[in-house]
């Protein structure tokens, strides 16, 4: 199952069952999100580095402001418009999708 197929399934509102393909990719993406957010939260990064890490996390180029710490359970279903600011301590539960700002 591709990430695109996973997002399509999650956005459909269907139930995820244990040990399914969807469940396995959900776990994989969650582990990736933990790795990236731990990198964001563990030391100082320039704004450019933050944008690179957030782009990796969400799977598309972003240009945002972010004050760590930041947490998310998936990352790939976050859609951020240009110039969005995320303040310190935010936690996103994005498996169902989060859209902030003018997203194209």
N, C-alpha and C. Protein backbone atom coordinates (compact mmCIF):
# COMPACT_ATOMS: atom_id res chain seq x y z
N UNK A 1 0.85 -1.18 0.00
CA UNK A 1 0.00 0.00 0.00
C UNK A 1 0.89 1.24 0.00
N UNK A 2 0.60 2.16 -0.89
CA UNK A 2 1.37 3.40 -0.97
C UNK A 2 0.84 4.40 0.06
N UNK A 3 1.62 5.44 0.30
CA UNK A 3 1.18 6.50 1.19
C UNK A 3 -0.09 7.16 0.65
N UNK A 4 -0.15 7.36 -0.66
CA UNK A 4 -1.35 7.96 -1.27
C UNK A 4 -2.59 7.09 -1.05
N UNK A 5 -2.43 5.78 -1.20
CA UNK A 5 -3.55 4.86 -0.96
C UNK A 5 -3.96 4.88 0.51
N UNK A 6 -2.97 4.96 1.40
CA UNK A 6 -3.25 5.05 2.83
C UNK A 6 -4.06 6.31 3.14
N UNK A 7 -3.62 7.44 2.61
CA UNK A 7 -4.33 8.70 2.87
C UNK A 7 -5.75 8.67 2.31
N UNK A 8 -5.91 8.09 1.13
CA UNK A 8 -7.25 7.96 0.55
C UNK A 8 -8.14 7.12 1.46
N UNK A 9 -7.62 6.03 1.98
CA UNK A 9 -8.38 5.18 2.89
C UNK A 9 -8.74 5.95 4.16
N UNK A 10 -7.75 6.62 4.76
CA UNK A 10 -7.99 7.34 6.00
C UNK A 10 -9.02 8.46 5.80
N UNK A 11 -8.96 9.13 4.68
CA UNK A 11 -9.89 10.23 4.41
C UNK A 11 -11.29 9.73 4.05
N UNK A 12 -11.43 8.43 3.80
CA UNK A 12 -12.74 7.86 3.47
C UNK A 12 -13.60 7.65 4.71
N UNK A 13 -12.97 7.65 5.89
CA UNK A 13 -13.71 7.42 7.12
C UNK A 13 -13.93 5.97 7.47
N UNK A 14 -13.34 5.06 6.68
CA UNK A 14 -13.50 3.63 6.95
C UNK A 14 -12.70 3.23 8.20
N UNK A 15 -13.14 2.15 8.81
CA UNK A 15 -12.50 1.64 10.02
C UNK A 15 -11.19 0.93 9.68
N UNK A 16 -10.17 1.15 10.50
CA UNK A 16 -8.89 0.45 10.37
C UNK A 16 -8.92 -0.77 11.27
N UNK A 17 -8.61 -1.93 10.70
CA UNK A 17 -8.59 -3.15 11.50
C UNK A 17 -7.15 -3.55 11.80
N UNK A 18 -6.95 -4.16 12.95
CA UNK A 18 -5.62 -4.58 13.38
C UNK A 18 -5.00 -5.54 12.37
N UNK A 19 -3.71 -5.38 12.17
CA UNK A 19 -2.90 -6.24 11.30
C UNK A 19 -3.24 -6.12 9.82
N UNK A 20 -4.06 -5.15 9.44
CA UNK A 20 -4.37 -4.94 8.02
C UNK A 20 -3.22 -4.18 7.36
N UNK A 21 -3.24 -4.08 6.03
CA UNK A 21 -2.24 -3.29 5.31
C UNK A 21 -2.26 -1.85 5.80
N UNK A 22 -3.45 -1.33 6.02
CA UNK A 22 -3.59 0.05 6.49
C UNK A 22 -2.94 0.19 7.86
N UNK A 23 -3.19 -0.75 8.75
CA UNK A 23 -2.61 -0.71 10.09
C UNK A 23 -1.09 -0.76 10.03
N UNK A 24 -0.55 -1.59 9.15
CA UNK A 24 0.91 -1.71 9.04
C UNK A 24 1.54 -0.42 8.54
N UNK A 25 0.96 0.20 7.52
CA UNK A 25 1.53 1.46 7.03
C UNK A 25 1.33 2.58 8.04
N UNK A 26 0.22 2.54 8.78
CA UNK A 26 -0.01 3.52 9.84
C UNK A 26 1.12 3.45 10.86
N UNK A 27 1.50 2.24 11.24
CA UNK A 27 2.59 2.06 12.20
C UNK A 27 3.91 2.57 11.61
N UNK A 28 4.17 2.25 10.35
CA UNK A 28 5.41 2.69 9.68
C UNK A 28 5.48 4.22 9.64
N UNK A 29 4.39 4.87 9.24
CA UNK A 29 4.38 6.32 9.16
C UNK A 29 4.48 6.96 10.54
N UNK A 30 3.90 6.33 11.55
CA UNK A 30 4.01 6.84 12.92
C UNK A 30 5.45 6.80 13.40
N UNK A 31 6.15 5.71 13.10
CA UNK A 31 7.56 5.60 13.48
C UNK A 31 8.41 6.66 12.77
N UNK A 32 8.11 6.90 11.50
CA UNK A 32 8.82 7.95 10.76
C UNK A 32 8.54 9.32 11.37
N UNK A 33 7.29 9.57 11.74
CA UNK A 33 6.93 10.85 12.36
C UNK A 33 7.65 11.03 13.69
N UNK A 34 7.77 9.97 14.47
CA UNK A 34 8.50 10.05 15.74
C UNK A 34 9.96 10.42 15.48
N UNK A 35 10.58 9.77 14.50
CA UNK A 35 11.98 10.04 14.18
C UNK A 35 12.17 11.51 13.80
N UNK A 36 11.31 12.02 12.92
CA UNK A 36 11.46 13.40 12.44
C UNK A 36 11.15 14.40 13.55
N UNK A 37 10.09 14.19 14.30
CA UNK A 37 9.76 15.14 15.37
C UNK A 37 10.79 15.11 16.48
N UNK A 38 11.38 13.96 16.75
CA UNK A 38 12.48 13.91 17.74
C UNK A 38 13.67 14.73 17.25
N UNK A 39 13.95 14.69 15.96
CA UNK A 39 15.02 15.52 15.40
C UNK A 39 14.67 17.00 15.53
N UNK A 40 13.45 17.37 15.21
CA UNK A 40 13.02 18.76 15.34
C UNK A 40 13.14 19.23 16.78
N UNK A 41 12.73 18.40 17.72
CA UNK A 41 12.62 18.79 19.12
C UNK A 41 13.91 18.66 19.92
N UNK A 42 14.92 17.98 19.39
CA UNK A 42 16.09 17.63 20.21
C UNK A 42 17.21 18.67 20.21
N UNK A 43 17.21 19.60 19.24
CA UNK A 43 18.28 20.60 19.21
C UNK A 43 17.84 21.78 18.36
N UNK A 44 18.66 22.82 18.36
CA UNK A 44 18.36 24.01 17.57
C UNK A 44 18.46 23.71 16.08
N UNK A 45 17.52 24.28 15.32
CA UNK A 45 17.55 24.22 13.86
C UNK A 45 17.25 25.61 13.32
N UNK A 46 17.90 25.97 12.22
CA UNK A 46 17.58 27.23 11.55
C UNK A 46 16.17 27.12 10.96
N UNK A 47 15.56 28.25 10.63
CA UNK A 47 14.25 28.18 9.97
C UNK A 47 14.28 27.35 8.68
N UNK A 48 15.36 27.43 7.94
CA UNK A 48 15.47 26.64 6.71
C UNK A 48 15.50 25.14 7.02
N UNK A 49 16.24 24.77 8.07
CA UNK A 49 16.29 23.36 8.47
C UNK A 49 14.93 22.88 8.95
N UNK A 50 14.22 23.73 9.69
CA UNK A 50 12.87 23.38 10.14
C UNK A 50 11.98 23.11 8.94
N UNK A 51 12.05 23.97 7.92
CA UNK A 51 11.23 23.76 6.72
C UNK A 51 11.60 22.47 6.01
N UNK A 52 12.89 22.14 5.95
CA UNK A 52 13.31 20.87 5.34
C UNK A 52 12.75 19.68 6.11
N UNK A 53 12.84 19.73 7.44
CA UNK A 53 12.33 18.63 8.27
C UNK A 53 10.80 18.53 8.18
N UNK A 54 10.12 19.67 8.21
CA UNK A 54 8.66 19.64 8.09
C UNK A 54 8.22 19.15 6.71
N UNK A 55 8.97 19.51 5.68
CA UNK A 55 8.66 19.02 4.33
C UNK A 55 8.81 17.51 4.27
N UNK A 56 9.86 16.99 4.91
CA UNK A 56 10.04 15.53 4.97
C UNK A 56 8.88 14.90 5.74
N UNK A 57 8.49 15.52 6.84
CA UNK A 57 7.42 14.98 7.68
C UNK A 57 6.09 14.92 6.93
N UNK A 58 5.72 16.00 6.26
CA UNK A 58 4.40 16.04 5.62
C UNK A 58 4.41 15.48 4.20
N UNK A 59 5.59 15.30 3.63
CA UNK A 59 5.68 14.69 2.30
C UNK A 59 5.45 15.64 1.15
N UNK A 60 5.53 16.95 1.42
CA UNK A 60 5.41 17.95 0.37
C UNK A 60 6.13 19.21 0.83
N UNK A 61 6.61 20.03 -0.10
CA UNK A 61 7.35 21.23 0.31
C UNK A 61 6.47 22.18 1.12
N UNK A 62 7.04 22.72 2.20
CA UNK A 62 6.33 23.70 3.02
C UNK A 62 7.27 24.85 3.35
N UNK A 63 6.69 25.99 3.62
CA UNK A 63 7.42 27.16 4.10
C UNK A 63 6.60 27.72 5.25
N UNK A 64 6.98 27.31 6.46
CA UNK A 64 6.21 27.63 7.66
C UNK A 64 7.14 28.15 8.75
N UNK A 65 6.54 28.70 9.78
CA UNK A 65 7.26 29.02 11.00
C UNK A 65 6.87 28.00 12.05
N UNK A 66 7.84 27.55 12.83
CA UNK A 66 7.56 26.54 13.86
C UNK A 66 8.45 26.79 15.06
N UNK A 67 7.84 26.85 16.24
CA UNK A 67 8.57 26.87 17.50
C UNK A 67 8.39 25.50 18.14
N UNK A 68 9.45 24.69 18.23
CA UNK A 68 9.34 23.39 18.88
C UNK A 68 9.05 23.55 20.37
N UNK A 69 8.60 22.52 21.05
CA UNK A 69 8.41 21.18 20.51
C UNK A 69 7.12 21.06 19.70
N UNK A 70 7.14 20.09 18.81
CA UNK A 70 6.02 19.79 17.94
C UNK A 70 5.87 18.27 17.87
N UNK A 71 4.63 17.79 17.88
CA UNK A 71 4.37 16.35 17.84
C UNK A 71 3.24 16.05 16.86
N UNK A 72 3.31 14.90 16.25
CA UNK A 72 2.21 14.43 15.40
C UNK A 72 2.22 12.91 15.39
N UNK A 73 1.08 12.32 15.06
CA UNK A 73 0.98 10.85 15.06
C UNK A 73 1.24 10.24 13.69
N UNK A 74 1.24 11.05 12.63
CA UNK A 74 1.41 10.51 11.29
C UNK A 74 2.26 11.44 10.43
N UNK A 75 1.81 12.66 10.26
CA UNK A 75 2.56 13.64 9.50
C UNK A 75 2.13 13.78 8.05
N UNK A 76 1.85 12.69 7.40
CA UNK A 76 1.58 12.72 5.96
C UNK A 76 0.21 13.28 5.60
N UNK A 77 -0.66 13.48 6.59
CA UNK A 77 -1.99 14.03 6.31
C UNK A 77 -2.13 15.44 6.89
N UNK A 78 -0.97 16.13 7.01
CA UNK A 78 -0.93 17.54 7.39
C UNK A 78 -0.70 18.33 6.10
N UNK A 79 -1.51 19.36 5.89
CA UNK A 79 -1.41 20.19 4.70
C UNK A 79 -1.35 21.64 5.16
N UNK A 80 -0.21 22.30 4.90
CA UNK A 80 0.06 23.63 5.44
C UNK A 80 0.24 24.64 4.32
N UNK A 81 -0.48 25.74 4.40
CA UNK A 81 -0.30 26.83 3.45
C UNK A 81 0.96 27.61 3.76
N UNK A 82 1.42 28.38 2.80
CA UNK A 82 2.63 29.18 2.94
C UNK A 82 2.46 30.19 4.08
N UNK A 83 3.48 30.27 4.93
CA UNK A 83 3.49 31.25 5.99
C UNK A 83 2.75 30.87 7.25
N UNK A 84 2.24 29.65 7.33
CA UNK A 84 1.56 29.19 8.55
C UNK A 84 2.57 29.20 9.70
N UNK A 85 2.12 29.58 10.89
CA UNK A 85 2.96 29.56 12.09
C UNK A 85 2.39 28.55 13.07
N UNK A 86 3.24 27.65 13.55
CA UNK A 86 2.86 26.64 14.53
C UNK A 86 3.64 26.95 15.81
N UNK A 87 2.93 27.28 16.88
CA UNK A 87 3.59 27.68 18.12
C UNK A 87 4.05 26.47 18.93
N UNK A 88 4.85 26.73 19.93
CA UNK A 88 5.46 25.69 20.76
C UNK A 88 4.40 24.84 21.45
N UNK A 89 4.66 23.54 21.49
CA UNK A 89 3.81 22.62 22.23
C UNK A 89 2.63 22.06 21.46
N UNK A 90 2.55 22.32 20.18
CA UNK A 90 1.42 21.80 19.40
C UNK A 90 1.55 20.30 19.17
N UNK A 91 0.40 19.63 19.23
CA UNK A 91 0.33 18.20 18.92
C UNK A 91 -0.80 18.02 17.92
N UNK A 92 -0.47 17.46 16.76
CA UNK A 92 -1.45 17.23 15.71
C UNK A 92 -1.80 15.74 15.64
N UNK A 93 -3.07 15.43 15.67
CA UNK A 93 -3.58 14.08 15.41
C UNK A 93 -4.10 14.12 13.98
N UNK A 94 -3.24 13.81 13.02
CA UNK A 94 -3.57 14.12 11.62
C UNK A 94 -3.99 12.93 10.77
N UNK A 95 -4.19 11.78 11.33
CA UNK A 95 -4.53 10.65 10.48
C UNK A 95 -5.80 10.90 9.68
N UNK A 96 -6.70 11.71 10.21
CA UNK A 96 -7.92 12.06 9.48
C UNK A 96 -7.78 13.29 8.61
N UNK A 97 -6.63 13.97 8.69
CA UNK A 97 -6.36 15.13 7.86
C UNK A 97 -6.46 16.45 8.60
N UNK A 98 -5.46 17.30 8.42
CA UNK A 98 -5.44 18.65 8.97
C UNK A 98 -5.03 19.59 7.84
N UNK A 99 -5.83 20.62 7.62
CA UNK A 99 -5.56 21.64 6.61
C UNK A 99 -5.52 22.99 7.31
N UNK A 100 -4.39 23.71 7.18
CA UNK A 100 -4.24 25.02 7.80
C UNK A 100 -3.71 25.99 6.75
N UNK A 101 -4.38 27.12 6.61
CA UNK A 101 -3.94 28.12 5.64
C UNK A 101 -4.46 27.83 4.25
N UNK A 102 -3.97 28.62 3.31
CA UNK A 102 -4.37 28.47 1.91
C UNK A 102 -3.59 27.33 1.28
N UNK A 103 -4.17 26.14 1.29
CA UNK A 103 -3.52 24.94 0.79
C UNK A 103 -3.95 24.73 -0.65
N UNK A 104 -2.97 24.53 -1.53
CA UNK A 104 -3.27 24.34 -2.96
C UNK A 104 -3.20 22.89 -3.34
